[in-house]
Amino acid sequence: TLIKVEKDGLYGAPDIAIEILSQNKSYDTKRKRALYEKAGVKEYFMIDPENKNVTLLTLNASGLYEQTYEETGILRSDIINCDLKF
């Protein structure tokens, strides 16, 4: 994704979004998911702080999210080529 740097800020979508789910999980998992998908964020991580569950959604060739994995206590990103354990 191309990020454009201007004097008044950055424009464009990031490659990765990491969302710590709030009490309003429906908003995070539906509304924000739709916004990130539309913007073209390639990897969207949703972390449930209550149980440390991590869900990864990645954009497919059609520009739609597919669930890539769900794990506990590990965030695995292909884009930045790393595993983060917590």
Protein backbone atom coordinates (compact mmCIF):
# COMPACT_ATOMS: atom_id res chain seq x y z
CA THR A 1 0.00 0.00 0.00
CA LEU A 2 1.30 3.42 -0.90
CA ILE A 3 1.39 5.94 1.94
CA LYS A 4 1.64 9.54 0.77
CA VAL A 5 3.48 11.93 3.07
CA GLU A 6 2.26 15.52 3.00
CA LYS A 7 3.00 18.54 5.20
CA ASP A 8 -0.35 18.16 6.94
CA GLY A 9 -0.17 14.38 7.55
CA LEU A 10 -0.01 10.90 6.10
CA TYR A 11 -2.51 9.68 3.53
CA GLY A 12 -3.31 6.12 2.55
CA ALA A 13 -3.95 2.84 4.30
CA PRO A 14 -1.33 1.00 6.35
CA ASP A 15 -0.40 -2.57 5.45
CA ILE A 16 -1.21 -3.81 8.97
CA ALA A 17 -3.83 -2.91 11.58
CA ILE A 18 -3.73 -4.36 15.10
CA GLU A 19 -6.99 -3.93 16.98
CA ILE A 20 -7.27 -4.59 20.71
CA LEU A 21 -10.97 -5.38 21.00
CA SER A 22 -12.95 -3.02 23.19
CA GLN A 23 -16.08 -3.75 25.20
CA ASN A 24 -17.98 -3.03 21.99
CA LYS A 25 -16.63 -6.08 20.14
CA SER A 26 -19.39 -5.92 17.53
CA TYR A 27 -18.21 -2.45 16.43
CA ASP A 28 -14.58 -3.60 16.25
CA THR A 29 -15.24 -6.88 14.44
CA LYS A 30 -17.88 -5.60 12.00
CA ARG A 31 -17.66 -1.84 11.44
CA LYS A 32 -13.89 -1.44 11.72
CA ARG A 33 -13.37 -4.65 9.76
CA ALA A 34 -15.44 -3.22 6.90
CA LEU A 35 -13.54 0.09 7.00
CA TYR A 36 -10.12 -1.61 6.98
CA GLU A 37 -11.19 -3.98 4.20
CA LYS A 38 -12.47 -1.08 2.06
CA ALA A 39 -9.24 0.88 2.67
CA GLY A 40 -7.12 -2.10 1.57
CA VAL A 41 -5.36 -2.91 4.86
CA LYS A 42 -3.62 -6.20 4.00
CA GLU A 43 -3.45 -7.74 7.49
CA TYR A 44 -6.04 -7.01 10.16
CA PHE A 45 -5.30 -8.49 13.58
CA MET A 46 -8.03 -8.59 16.22
CA ILE A 47 -6.83 -9.33 19.75
CA ASP A 48 -9.26 -10.19 22.54
CA PRO A 49 -7.50 -9.00 25.72
CA GLU A 50 -9.65 -11.21 27.95
CA ASN A 51 -8.33 -14.51 26.57
CA LYS A 52 -5.35 -13.34 24.43
CA ASN A 53 -7.04 -14.79 21.34
CA VAL A 54 -5.64 -13.41 18.07
CA THR A 55 -7.60 -13.57 14.82
CA LEU A 56 -5.90 -12.59 11.57
CA LEU A 57 -7.81 -11.50 8.50
CA THR A 58 -5.93 -11.03 5.23
CA LEU A 59 -7.09 -9.53 1.96
CA ASN A 60 -7.59 -12.03 -0.84
CA ALA A 61 -7.15 -11.35 -4.57
CA SER A 62 -10.71 -9.96 -4.71
CA GLY A 63 -9.96 -7.41 -1.97
CA LEU A 64 -12.07 -9.19 0.64
CA TYR A 65 -10.97 -10.43 4.05
CA GLU A 66 -10.45 -14.11 4.75
CA GLN A 67 -9.61 -15.48 8.19
CA THR A 68 -6.04 -16.72 7.98
CA TYR A 69 -5.62 -18.03 11.51
CA GLU A 70 -6.77 -17.86 15.09
CA GLU A 71 -4.31 -18.51 17.92
CA THR A 72 -3.75 -17.68 21.56
CA GLY A 73 -0.89 -15.46 22.67
CA ILE A 74 0.88 -15.09 19.33
CA LEU A 75 0.61 -12.57 16.53
CA ARG A 76 2.16 -13.88 13.31
CA SER A 77 2.65 -11.43 10.44
CA ASP A 78 3.86 -12.39 6.98
CA ILE A 79 4.17 -8.74 5.96
CA ILE A 80 6.71 -7.84 8.64
CA ASN A 81 7.99 -11.43 8.84
CA CYS A 82 7.78 -11.87 12.60
CA ASP A 83 6.01 -13.61 15.46
CA LEU A 84 5.09 -11.62 18.54
CA LYS A 85 4.33 -13.65 21.65
CA PHE A 86 2.49 -12.17 24.61
